[in-house]
Amino acid sequence: MAGLIVLRPGIDWTATGGLFDWTLEFLVSRLSDRRAAEHLQEIIENNLGSFWLQDLSPEAQREVVAHWRTGLVAAGEEHLPETNQKPDVVAHLRELVAATYRLPAE
């Protein structure tokens, strides 16, 4: 099953279910907004397969984007399993981070 992250309508990212879950799990312990973290945990636990950034408060949205921009790729490089596909998976994480820069400035 694939997962979908919608940053804004027209700006989205798809990944395998495992990478989608990992990308959300990366955020759960890092978010200061516990309601946002619980929302992400619910998506993971119930295999909902999609996350819309706009479902979070503006503050939580900014925090999610900041965490992805500053730590997602490095965490992937460090923590994802060493397989032949790892370079492609990390490149795919970079695509998500790049997509965050297409969001309108606040």
PDB file of N, CA and C in Angstrom:
ATOM      1  N   MET A   1       0.845  -1.182   0.000  1.00  0.00           N
ATOM      2  CA  MET A   1       0.000   0.000   0.000  1.00  0.00           C
ATOM      3  C   MET A   1       0.887   1.241   0.000  1.00  0.00           C
ATOM      4  N   ALA A   2       0.533   2.200  -0.786  1.00  0.00           N
ATOM      5  CA  ALA A   2       1.284   3.450  -0.861  1.00  0.00           C
ATOM      6  C   ALA A   2       0.691   4.465   0.110  1.00  0.00           C
ATOM      7  N   GLY A   3       1.497   5.460   0.429  1.00  0.00           N
ATOM      8  CA  GLY A   3       1.043   6.545   1.282  1.00  0.00           C
ATOM      9  C   GLY A   3       1.181   7.867   0.549  1.00  0.00           C
ATOM     10  N   LEU A   4       0.333   8.807   0.904  1.00  0.00           N
ATOM     11  CA  LEU A   4       0.300  10.112   0.256  1.00  0.00           C
ATOM     12  C   LEU A   4       0.414  11.201   1.303  1.00  0.00           C
ATOM     13  N   ILE A   5       1.344  12.124   1.093  1.00  0.00           N
ATOM     14  CA  ILE A   5       1.450  13.319   1.912  1.00  0.00           C
ATOM     15  C   ILE A   5       1.089  14.496   1.021  1.00  0.00           C
ATOM     16  N   VAL A   6       0.062  15.247   1.429  1.00  0.00           N
ATOM     17  CA  VAL A   6      -0.372  16.423   0.678  1.00  0.00           C
ATOM     18  C   VAL A   6       0.075  17.652   1.461  1.00  0.00           C
ATOM     19  N   LEU A   7       1.034  18.377   0.877  1.00  0.00           N
ATOM     20  CA  LEU A   7       1.504  19.598   1.519  1.00  0.00           C
ATOM     21  C   LEU A   7       0.515  20.737   1.278  1.00  0.00           C
ATOM     22  N   ARG A   8       0.004  20.806   0.085  1.00  0.00           N
ATOM     23  CA  ARG A   8      -1.060  21.707  -0.352  1.00  0.00           C
ATOM     24  C   ARG A   8      -1.650  21.039  -1.587  1.00  0.00           C
ATOM     25  N   PRO A   9      -2.884  21.360  -1.944  1.00  0.00           N
ATOM     26  CA  PRO A   9      -3.400  20.800  -3.196  1.00  0.00           C
ATOM     27  C   PRO A   9      -2.425  21.111  -4.339  1.00  0.00           C
ATOM     28  N   GLY A  10      -2.038  20.085  -5.052  1.00  0.00           N
ATOM     29  CA  GLY A  10      -1.085  20.241  -6.143  1.00  0.00           C
ATOM     30  C   GLY A  10       0.366  20.067  -5.740  1.00  0.00           C
ATOM     31  N   ILE A  11       0.628  19.978  -4.437  1.00  0.00           N
ATOM     32  CA  ILE A  11       1.986  19.742  -3.940  1.00  0.00           C
ATOM     33  C   ILE A  11       1.914  18.530  -3.025  1.00  0.00           C
ATOM     34  N   ASP A  12       2.254  17.369  -3.576  1.00  0.00           N
ATOM     35  CA  ASP A  12       2.148  16.153  -2.772  1.00  0.00           C
ATOM     36  C   ASP A  12       3.328  15.235  -3.031  1.00  0.00           C
ATOM     37  N   TRP A  13       3.386  14.188  -2.239  1.00  0.00           N
ATOM     38  CA  TRP A  13       4.496  13.225  -2.283  1.00  0.00           C
ATOM     39  C   TRP A  13       3.925  11.861  -1.963  1.00  0.00           C
ATOM     40  N   THR A  14       4.264  10.865  -2.764  1.00  0.00           N
ATOM     41  CA  THR A  14       3.819   9.502  -2.500  1.00  0.00           C
ATOM     42  C   THR A  14       5.030   8.630  -2.205  1.00  0.00           C
ATOM     43  N   ALA A  15       4.785   7.622  -1.408  1.00  0.00           N
ATOM     44  CA  ALA A  15       5.844   6.691  -1.033  1.00  0.00           C
ATOM     45  C   ALA A  15       5.223   5.344  -0.722  1.00  0.00           C
ATOM     46  N   THR A  16       6.071   4.322  -0.617  1.00  0.00           N
ATOM     47  CA  THR A  16       5.585   3.022  -0.167  1.00  0.00           C
ATOM     48  C   THR A  16       4.996   3.202   1.227  1.00  0.00           C
ATOM     49  N   GLY A  17       4.137   2.289   1.621  1.00  0.00           N
ATOM     50  CA  GLY A  17       3.528   2.381   2.942  1.00  0.00           C
ATOM     51  C   GLY A  17       4.552   2.435   4.062  1.00  0.00           C
ATOM     52  N   GLY A  18       5.620   1.643   3.938  1.00  0.00           N
ATOM     53  CA  GLY A  18       6.650   1.630   4.970  1.00  0.00           C
ATOM     54  C   GLY A  18       7.383   2.946   5.080  1.00  0.00           C
ATOM     55  N   LEU A  19       7.738   3.542   3.949  1.00  0.00           N
ATOM     56  CA  LEU A  19       8.439   4.830   3.986  1.00  0.00           C
ATOM     57  C   LEU A  19       7.504   5.943   4.437  1.00  0.00           C
ATOM     58  N   PHE A  20       6.251   5.882   4.019  1.00  0.00           N
ATOM     59  CA  PHE A  20       5.260   6.854   4.478  1.00  0.00           C
ATOM     60  C   PHE A  20       5.173   6.828   5.998  1.00  0.00           C
ATOM     61  N   ASP A  21       5.020   5.636   6.569  1.00  0.00           N
ATOM     62  CA  ASP A  21       4.943   5.513   8.026  1.00  0.00           C
ATOM     63  C   ASP A  21       6.222   6.017   8.684  1.00  0.00           C
ATOM     64  N   TRP A  22       7.364   5.656   8.151  1.00  0.00           N
ATOM     65  CA  TRP A  22       8.645   6.073   8.722  1.00  0.00           C
ATOM     66  C   TRP A  22       8.752   7.594   8.711  1.00  0.00           C
ATOM     67  N   THR A  23       8.298   8.225   7.630  1.00  0.00           N
ATOM     68  CA  THR A  23       8.369   9.681   7.499  1.00  0.00           C
ATOM     69  C   THR A  23       7.492  10.370   8.544  1.00  0.00           C
ATOM     70  N   LEU A  24       6.334   9.787   8.848  1.00  0.00           N
ATOM     71  CA  LEU A  24       5.481  10.342   9.893  1.00  0.00           C
ATOM     72  C   LEU A  24       6.039  10.017  11.274  1.00  0.00           C
ATOM     73  N   GLU A  25       6.536   8.792  11.456  1.00  0.00           N
ATOM     74  CA  GLU A  25       7.128   8.413  12.746  1.00  0.00           C
ATOM     75  C   GLU A  25       8.303   9.315  13.097  1.00  0.00           C
ATOM     76  N   PHE A  26       9.045   9.748  12.104  1.00  0.00           N
ATOM     77  CA  PHE A  26      10.147  10.679  12.314  1.00  0.00           C
ATOM     78  C   PHE A  26       9.669  11.920  13.063  1.00  0.00           C
ATOM     79  N   LEU A  27       8.450  12.340  12.792  1.00  0.00           N
ATOM     80  CA  LEU A  27       7.912  13.567  13.392  1.00  0.00           C
ATOM     81  C   LEU A  27       7.318  13.366  14.787  1.00  0.00           C
ATOM     82  N   VAL A  28       6.732  12.206  15.052  1.00  0.00           N
ATOM     83  CA  VAL A  28       5.908  12.006  16.254  1.00  0.00           C
ATOM     84  C   VAL A  28       6.625  12.437  17.525  1.00  0.00           C
ATOM     85  N   SER A  29       7.846  11.993  17.738  1.00  0.00           N
ATOM     86  CA  SER A  29       8.551  12.330  18.981  1.00  0.00           C
ATOM     87  C   SER A  29       9.161  13.721  18.953  1.00  0.00           C
ATOM     88  N   ARG A  30       9.219  14.332  17.797  1.00  0.00           N
ATOM     89  CA  ARG A  30       9.858  15.638  17.662  1.00  0.00           C
ATOM     90  C   ARG A  30       8.891  16.809  17.800  1.00  0.00           C
ATOM     91  N   LEU A  31       7.618  16.572  17.559  1.00  0.00           N
ATOM     92  CA  LEU A  31       6.647  17.674  17.567  1.00  0.00           C
ATOM     93  C   LEU A  31       6.337  18.142  18.981  1.00  0.00           C
ATOM     94  N   SER A  32       6.328  19.426  19.173  1.00  0.00           N
ATOM     95  CA  SER A  32       5.961  19.974  20.486  1.00  0.00           C
ATOM     96  C   SER A  32       4.441  19.982  20.666  1.00  0.00           C
ATOM     97  N   ASP A  33       3.709  20.018  19.559  1.00  0.00           N
ATOM     98  CA  ASP A  33       2.246  19.995  19.599  1.00  0.00           C
ATOM     99  C   ASP A  33       1.801  18.539  19.728  1.00  0.00           C
ATOM    100  N   ARG A  34       1.419  18.127  20.936  1.00  0.00           N
ATOM    101  CA  ARG A  34       1.063  16.729  21.184  1.00  0.00           C
ATOM    102  C   ARG A  34      -0.186  16.321  20.409  1.00  0.00           C
ATOM    103  N   ARG A  35      -1.109  17.239  20.193  1.00  0.00           N
ATOM    104  CA  ARG A  35      -2.303  16.916  19.405  1.00  0.00           C
ATOM    105  C   ARG A  35      -1.907  16.552  17.974  1.00  0.00           C
ATOM    106  N   ALA A  36      -0.981  17.295  17.407  1.00  0.00           N
ATOM    107  CA  ALA A  36      -0.492  16.994  16.060  1.00  0.00           C
ATOM    108  C   ALA A  36       0.216  15.642  16.045  1.00  0.00           C
ATOM    109  N   ALA A  37       1.038  15.394  17.054  1.00  0.00           N
ATOM    110  CA  ALA A  37       1.754  14.119  17.142  1.00  0.00           C
ATOM    111  C   ALA A  37       0.769  12.958  17.259  1.00  0.00           C
ATOM    112  N   GLU A  38      -0.277  13.134  18.055  1.00  0.00           N
ATOM    113  CA  GLU A  38      -1.295  12.086  18.199  1.00  0.00           C
ATOM    114  C   GLU A  38      -2.035  11.850  16.886  1.00  0.00           C
ATOM    115  N   HIS A  39      -2.279  12.909  16.141  1.00  0.00           N
ATOM    116  CA  HIS A  39      -2.932  12.788  14.836  1.00  0.00           C
ATOM    117  C   HIS A  39      -2.070  11.935  13.901  1.00  0.00           C
ATOM    118  N   LEU A  40      -0.770  12.207  13.871  1.00  0.00           N
ATOM    119  CA  LEU A  40       0.128  11.430  13.023  1.00  0.00           C
ATOM    120  C   LEU A  40       0.188   9.976  13.475  1.00  0.00           C
ATOM    121  N   GLN A  41       0.230   9.766  14.791  1.00  0.00           N
ATOM    122  CA  GLN A  41       0.273   8.399  15.321  1.00  0.00           C
ATOM    123  C   GLN A  41      -0.990   7.632  14.940  1.00  0.00           C
ATOM    124  N   GLU A  42      -2.113   8.304  14.954  1.00  0.00           N
ATOM    125  CA  GLU A  42      -3.379   7.674  14.556  1.00  0.00           C
ATOM    126  C   GLU A  42      -3.348   7.259  13.088  1.00  0.00           C
ATOM    127  N   ILE A  43      -2.781   8.109  12.237  1.00  0.00           N
ATOM    128  CA  ILE A  43      -2.660   7.775  10.815  1.00  0.00           C
ATOM    129  C   ILE A  43      -1.819   6.516  10.651  1.00  0.00           C
ATOM    130  N   ILE A  44      -0.700   6.455  11.382  1.00  0.00           N
ATOM    131  CA  ILE A  44       0.195   5.298  11.288  1.00  0.00           C
ATOM    132  C   ILE A  44      -0.501   4.041  11.799  1.00  0.00           C
ATOM    133  N   GLU A  45      -1.051   4.117  13.002  1.00  0.00           N
ATOM    134  CA  GLU A  45      -1.637   2.933  13.642  1.00  0.00           C
ATOM    135  C   GLU A  45      -2.832   2.370  12.877  1.00  0.00           C
ATOM    136  N   ASN A  46      -3.578   3.242  12.221  1.00  0.00           N
ATOM    137  CA  ASN A  46      -4.771   2.799  11.505  1.00  0.00           C
ATOM    138  C   ASN A  46      -4.544   2.609  10.007  1.00  0.00           C
ATOM    139  N   ASN A  47      -3.280   2.689   9.591  1.00  0.00           N
ATOM    140  CA  ASN A  47      -2.929   2.501   8.179  1.00  0.00           C
ATOM    141  C   ASN A  47      -3.805   3.341   7.256  1.00  0.00           C
ATOM    142  N   LEU A  48      -3.962   4.615   7.612  1.00  0.00           N
ATOM    143  CA  LEU A  48      -4.850   5.473   6.836  1.00  0.00           C
ATOM    144  C   LEU A  48      -4.267   5.855   5.478  1.00  0.00           C
ATOM    145  N   GLY A  49      -2.942   5.863   5.370  1.00  0.00           N
ATOM    146  CA  GLY A  49      -2.327   6.019   4.059  1.00  0.00           C
ATOM    147  C   GLY A  49      -2.277   7.416   3.482  1.00  0.00           C
ATOM    148  N   SER A  50      -2.778   8.409   4.208  1.00  0.00           N
ATOM    149  CA  SER A  50      -2.633   9.774   3.707  1.00  0.00           C
ATOM    150  C   SER A  50      -2.548  10.750   4.874  1.00  0.00           C
ATOM    151  N   PHE A  51      -1.801  11.807   4.631  1.00  0.00           N
ATOM    152  CA  PHE A  51      -1.634  12.881   5.612  1.00  0.00           C
ATOM    153  C   PHE A  51      -1.705  14.196   4.870  1.00  0.00           C
ATOM    154  N   TRP A  52      -2.615  15.036   5.309  1.00  0.00           N
ATOM    155  CA  TRP A  52      -2.771  16.373   4.752  1.00  0.00           C
ATOM    156  C   TRP A  52      -2.196  17.364   5.749  1.00  0.00           C
ATOM    157  N   LEU A  53      -1.146  18.054   5.366  1.00  0.00           N
ATOM    158  CA  LEU A  53      -0.495  19.015   6.248  1.00  0.00           C
ATOM    159  C   LEU A  53      -1.493  20.045   6.772  1.00  0.00           C
ATOM    160  N   GLN A  54      -2.430  20.439   5.941  1.00  0.00           N
ATOM    161  CA  GLN A  54      -3.398  21.468   6.332  1.00  0.00           C
ATOM    162  C   GLN A  54      -4.374  20.999   7.407  1.00  0.00           C
ATOM    163  N   ASP A  55      -4.344  19.707   7.769  1.00  0.00           N
ATOM    164  CA  ASP A  55      -5.166  19.231   8.885  1.00  0.00           C
ATOM    165  C   ASP A  55      -4.604  19.679  10.231  1.00  0.00           C
ATOM    166  N   LEU A  56      -3.365  20.163  10.235  1.00  0.00           N
ATOM    167  CA  LEU A  56      -2.727  20.623  11.473  1.00  0.00           C
ATOM    168  C   LEU A  56      -2.867  22.134  11.617  1.00  0.00           C
ATOM    169  N   SER A  57      -2.655  22.609  12.822  1.00  0.00           N
ATOM    170  CA  SER A  57      -2.663  24.050  13.058  1.00  0.00           C
ATOM    171  C   SER A  57      -1.517  24.693  12.282  1.00  0.00           C
ATOM    172  N   PRO A  58      -1.613  25.983  11.994  1.00  0.00           N
ATOM    173  CA  PRO A  58      -0.516  26.650  11.276  1.00  0.00           C
ATOM    174  C   PRO A  58       0.835  26.499  11.993  1.00  0.00           C
ATOM    175  N   GLU A  59       0.827  26.554  13.305  1.00  0.00           N
ATOM    176  CA  GLU A  59       2.075  26.406  14.063  1.00  0.00           C
ATOM    177  C   GLU A  59       2.650  25.004  13.880  1.00  0.00           C
ATOM    178  N   ALA A  60       1.800  23.996  13.970  1.00  0.00           N
ATOM    179  CA  ALA A  60       2.251  22.616  13.788  1.00  0.00           C
ATOM    180  C   ALA A  60       2.715  22.384  12.350  1.00  0.00           C
ATOM    181  N   GLN A  61       2.046  22.987  11.390  1.00  0.00           N
ATOM    182  CA  GLN A  61       2.479  22.869   9.991  1.00  0.00           C
ATOM    183  C   GLN A  61       3.900  23.395   9.835  1.00  0.00           C
ATOM    184  N   ARG A  62       4.165  24.565  10.403  1.00  0.00           N
ATOM    185  CA  ARG A  62       5.507  25.146  10.309  1.00  0.00           C
ATOM    186  C   ARG A  62       6.544  24.244  10.976  1.00  0.00           C
ATOM    187  N   GLU A  63       6.165  23.650  12.113  1.00  0.00           N
ATOM    188  CA  GLU A  63       7.091  22.777  12.818  1.00  0.00           C
ATOM    189  C   GLU A  63       7.379  21.506  12.004  1.00  0.00           C
ATOM    190  N   VAL A  64       6.353  20.911  11.413  1.00  0.00           N
ATOM    191  CA  VAL A  64       6.541  19.726  10.572  1.00  0.00           C
ATOM    192  C   VAL A  64       7.513  20.043   9.449  1.00  0.00           C
ATOM    193  N   VAL A  65       7.258  21.122   8.736  1.00  0.00           N
ATOM    194  CA  VAL A  65       8.114  21.501   7.612  1.00  0.00           C
ATOM    195  C   VAL A  65       9.540  21.746   8.090  1.00  0.00           C
ATOM    196  N   ALA A  66       9.703  22.425   9.209  1.00  0.00           N
ATOM    197  CA  ALA A  66      11.046  22.697   9.735  1.00  0.00           C
ATOM    198  C   ALA A  66      11.781  21.399  10.076  1.00  0.00           C
ATOM    199  N   HIS A  67      11.092  20.457  10.711  1.00  0.00           N
ATOM    200  CA  HIS A  67      11.737  19.182  11.041  1.00  0.00           C
ATOM    201  C   HIS A  67      12.128  18.420   9.783  1.00  0.00           C
ATOM    202  N   TRP A  68      11.239  18.402   8.792  1.00  0.00           N
ATOM    203  CA  TRP A  68      11.588  17.716   7.556  1.00  0.00           C
ATOM    204  C   TRP A  68      12.790  18.369   6.887  1.00  0.00           C
ATOM    205  N   ARG A  69      12.788  19.703   6.846  1.00  0.00           N
ATOM    206  CA  ARG A  69      13.883  20.403   6.176  1.00  0.00           C
ATOM    207  C   ARG A  69      15.217  20.214   6.891  1.00  0.00           C
ATOM    208  N   THR A  70      15.199  20.185   8.198  1.00  0.00           N
ATOM    209  CA  THR A  70      16.462  20.165   8.944  1.00  0.00           C
ATOM    210  C   THR A  70      16.942  18.777   9.337  1.00  0.00           C
ATOM    211  N   GLY A  71      16.074  17.763   9.306  1.00  0.00           N
ATOM    212  CA  GLY A  71      16.543  16.492   9.827  1.00  0.00           C
ATOM    213  C   GLY A  71      16.126  15.234   9.113  1.00  0.00           C
ATOM    214  N   LEU A  72      15.159  15.305   8.209  1.00  0.00           N
ATOM    215  CA  LEU A  72      14.612  14.082   7.615  1.00  0.00           C
ATOM    216  C   LEU A  72      15.651  13.299   6.825  1.00  0.00           C
ATOM    217  N   VAL A  73      16.361  13.965   5.941  1.00  0.00           N
ATOM    218  CA  VAL A  73      17.322  13.268   5.086  1.00  0.00           C
ATOM    219  C   VAL A  73      18.454  12.677   5.931  1.00  0.00           C
ATOM    220  N   ALA A  74      18.976  13.448   6.873  1.00  0.00           N
ATOM    221  CA  ALA A  74      20.053  12.938   7.735  1.00  0.00           C
ATOM    222  C   ALA A  74      19.577  11.731   8.544  1.00  0.00           C
ATOM    223  N   ALA A  75      18.344  11.774   9.044  1.00  0.00           N
ATOM    224  CA  ALA A  75      17.803  10.637   9.792  1.00  0.00           C
ATOM    225  C   ALA A  75      17.668   9.418   8.884  1.00  0.00           C
ATOM    226  N   GLY A  76      17.235   9.635   7.666  1.00  0.00           N
ATOM    227  CA  GLY A  76      17.139   8.534   6.716  1.00  0.00           C
ATOM    228  C   GLY A  76      18.492   7.921   6.434  1.00  0.00           C
ATOM    229  N   GLU A  77      19.478   8.763   6.219  1.00  0.00           N
ATOM    230  CA  GLU A  77      20.829   8.265   5.959  1.00  0.00           C
ATOM    231  C   GLU A  77      21.359   7.465   7.148  1.00  0.00           C
ATOM    232  N   GLU A  78      21.020   7.895   8.341  1.00  0.00           N
ATOM    233  CA  GLU A  78      21.539   7.246   9.546  1.00  0.00           C
ATOM    234  C   GLU A  78      20.744   6.009   9.963  1.00  0.00           C
ATOM    235  N   HIS A  79      19.415   6.062   9.840  1.00  0.00           N
ATOM    236  CA  HIS A  79      18.589   5.031  10.467  1.00  0.00           C
ATOM    237  C   HIS A  79      17.926   4.034   9.526  1.00  0.00           C
ATOM    238  N   LEU A  80      17.785   4.354   8.268  1.00  0.00           N
ATOM    239  CA  LEU A  80      17.165   3.393   7.360  1.00  0.00           C
ATOM    240  C   LEU A  80      18.110   2.221   7.128  1.00  0.00           C
ATOM    241  N   PRO A  81      17.553   1.042   6.899  1.00  0.00           N
ATOM    242  CA  PRO A  81      18.399  -0.145   6.707  1.00  0.00           C
ATOM    243  C   PRO A  81      19.350  -0.004   5.520  1.00  0.00           C
ATOM    244  N   GLU A  82      20.515  -0.589   5.673  1.00  0.00           N
ATOM    245  CA  GLU A  82      21.509  -0.590   4.594  1.00  0.00           C
ATOM    246  C   GLU A  82      21.111  -1.635   3.560  1.00  0.00           C
ATOM    247  N   THR A  83      20.523  -1.180   2.489  1.00  0.00           N
ATOM    248  CA  THR A  83      20.137  -2.058   1.385  1.00  0.00           C
ATOM    249  C   THR A  83      20.604  -1.418   0.078  1.00  0.00           C
ATOM    250  N   ASN A  84      20.471  -2.160  -0.998  1.00  0.00           N
ATOM    251  CA  ASN A  84      20.815  -1.611  -2.312  1.00  0.00           C
ATOM    252  C   ASN A  84      19.892  -0.453  -2.697  1.00  0.00           C
ATOM    253  N   GLN A  85      18.688  -0.423  -2.113  1.00  0.00           N
ATOM    254  CA  GLN A  85      17.710   0.616  -2.444  1.00  0.00           C
ATOM    255  C   GLN A  85      17.870   1.882  -1.607  1.00  0.00           C
ATOM    256  N   LYS A  86      18.707   1.829  -0.572  1.00  0.00           N
ATOM    257  CA  LYS A  86      18.803   2.972   0.331  1.00  0.00           C
ATOM    258  C   LYS A  86      19.130   4.293  -0.381  1.00  0.00           C
ATOM    259  N   PRO A  87      20.069   4.340  -1.320  1.00  0.00           N
ATOM    260  CA  PRO A  87      20.313   5.617  -2.006  1.00  0.00           C
ATOM    261  C   PRO A  87      19.063   6.164  -2.694  1.00  0.00           C
ATOM    262  N   ASP A  88      18.268   5.297  -3.288  1.00  0.00           N
ATOM    263  CA  ASP A  88      17.030   5.742  -3.946  1.00  0.00           C
ATOM    264  C   ASP A  88      16.007   6.218  -2.923  1.00  0.00           C
ATOM    265  N   VAL A  89      15.936   5.532  -1.793  1.00  0.00           N
ATOM    266  CA  VAL A  89      14.988   5.913  -0.741  1.00  0.00           C
ATOM    267  C   VAL A  89      15.369   7.278  -0.176  1.00  0.00           C
ATOM    268  N   VAL A  90      16.642   7.488   0.097  1.00  0.00           N
ATOM    269  CA  VAL A  90      17.100   8.781   0.621  1.00  0.00           C
ATOM    270  C   VAL A  90      16.852   9.881  -0.413  1.00  0.00           C
ATOM    271  N   ALA A  91      17.072   9.582  -1.683  1.00  0.00           N
ATOM    272  CA  ALA A  91      16.777  10.560  -2.740  1.00  0.00           C
ATOM    273  C   ALA A  91      15.291  10.899  -2.749  1.00  0.00           C
ATOM    274  N   HIS A  92      14.453   9.909  -2.482  1.00  0.00           N
ATOM    275  CA  HIS A  92      13.005  10.155  -2.434  1.00  0.00           C
ATOM    276  C   HIS A  92      12.657  11.057  -1.245  1.00  0.00           C
ATOM    277  N   LEU A  93      13.325  10.871  -0.118  1.00  0.00           N
ATOM    278  CA  LEU A  93      13.127  11.779   1.024  1.00  0.00           C
ATOM    279  C   LEU A  93      13.538  13.200   0.655  1.00  0.00           C
ATOM    280  N   ARG A  94      14.614  13.312  -0.103  1.00  0.00           N
ATOM    281  CA  ARG A  94      15.047  14.643  -0.555  1.00  0.00           C
ATOM    282  C   ARG A  94      13.959  15.310  -1.407  1.00  0.00           C
ATOM    283  N   GLU A  95      13.227  14.509  -2.182  1.00  0.00           N
ATOM    284  CA  GLU A  95      12.136  15.053  -3.001  1.00  0.00           C
ATOM    285  C   GLU A  95      11.038  15.645  -2.117  1.00  0.00           C
ATOM    286  N   LEU A  96      10.738  14.984  -0.996  1.00  0.00           N
ATOM    287  CA  LEU A  96       9.744  15.538  -0.077  1.00  0.00           C
ATOM    288  C   LEU A  96      10.240  16.864   0.485  1.00  0.00           C
ATOM    289  N   VAL A  97      11.485  16.887   0.916  1.00  0.00           N
ATOM    290  CA  VAL A  97      12.043  18.134   1.456  1.00  0.00           C
ATOM    291  C   VAL A  97      12.005  19.227   0.395  1.00  0.00           C
ATOM    292  N   ALA A  98      12.386  18.917  -0.832  1.00  0.00           N
ATOM    293  CA  ALA A  98      12.342  19.902  -1.921  1.00  0.00           C
ATOM    294  C   ALA A  98      10.917  20.409  -2.131  1.00  0.00           C
ATOM    295  N   ALA A  99       9.943  19.535  -2.009  1.00  0.00           N
ATOM    296  CA  ALA A  99       8.538  19.947  -2.191  1.00  0.00           C
ATOM    297  C   ALA A  99       8.119  20.961  -1.137  1.00  0.00           C
ATOM    298  N   THR A 100       8.701  20.896   0.055  1.00  0.00           N
ATOM    299  CA  THR A 100       8.331  21.864   1.100  1.00  0.00           C
ATOM    300  C   THR A 100       8.726  23.284   0.699  1.00  0.00           C
ATOM    301  N   TYR A 101       9.724  23.416  -0.157  1.00  0.00           N
ATOM    302  CA  TYR A 101      10.154  24.746  -0.596  1.00  0.00           C
ATOM    303  C   TYR A 101       9.232  25.309  -1.675  1.00  0.00           C
ATOM    304  N   ARG A 102       8.279  24.512  -2.131  1.00  0.00           N
ATOM    305  CA  ARG A 102       7.284  24.996  -3.097  1.00  0.00           C
ATOM    306  C   ARG A 102       6.057  25.560  -2.373  1.00  0.00           C
ATOM    307  N   LEU A 103       6.028  25.456  -1.041  1.00  0.00           N
ATOM    308  CA  LEU A 103       4.906  26.005  -0.278  1.00  0.00           C
ATOM    309  C   LEU A 103       4.962  27.525  -0.295  1.00  0.00           C
ATOM    310  N   PRO A 104       3.806  28.170  -0.253  1.00  0.00           N
ATOM    311  CA  PRO A 104       3.803  29.638  -0.216  1.00  0.00           C
ATOM    312  C   PRO A 104       4.477  30.132   1.060  1.00  0.00           C
ATOM    313  N   ALA A 105       5.219  31.209   0.933  1.00  0.00           N
ATOM    314  CA  ALA A 105       5.867  31.823   2.106  1.00  0.00           C
ATOM    315  C   ALA A 105       4.803  32.478   2.973  1.00  0.00           C
ATOM    316  N   GLU A 106       5.059  32.442   4.261  1.00  0.00           N
ATOM    317  CA  GLU A 106       4.079  33.066   5.179  1.00  0.00           C
ATOM    318  C   GLU A 106       4.539  34.426   5.600  1.00  0.00           C
TER     319      GLU A 106
END
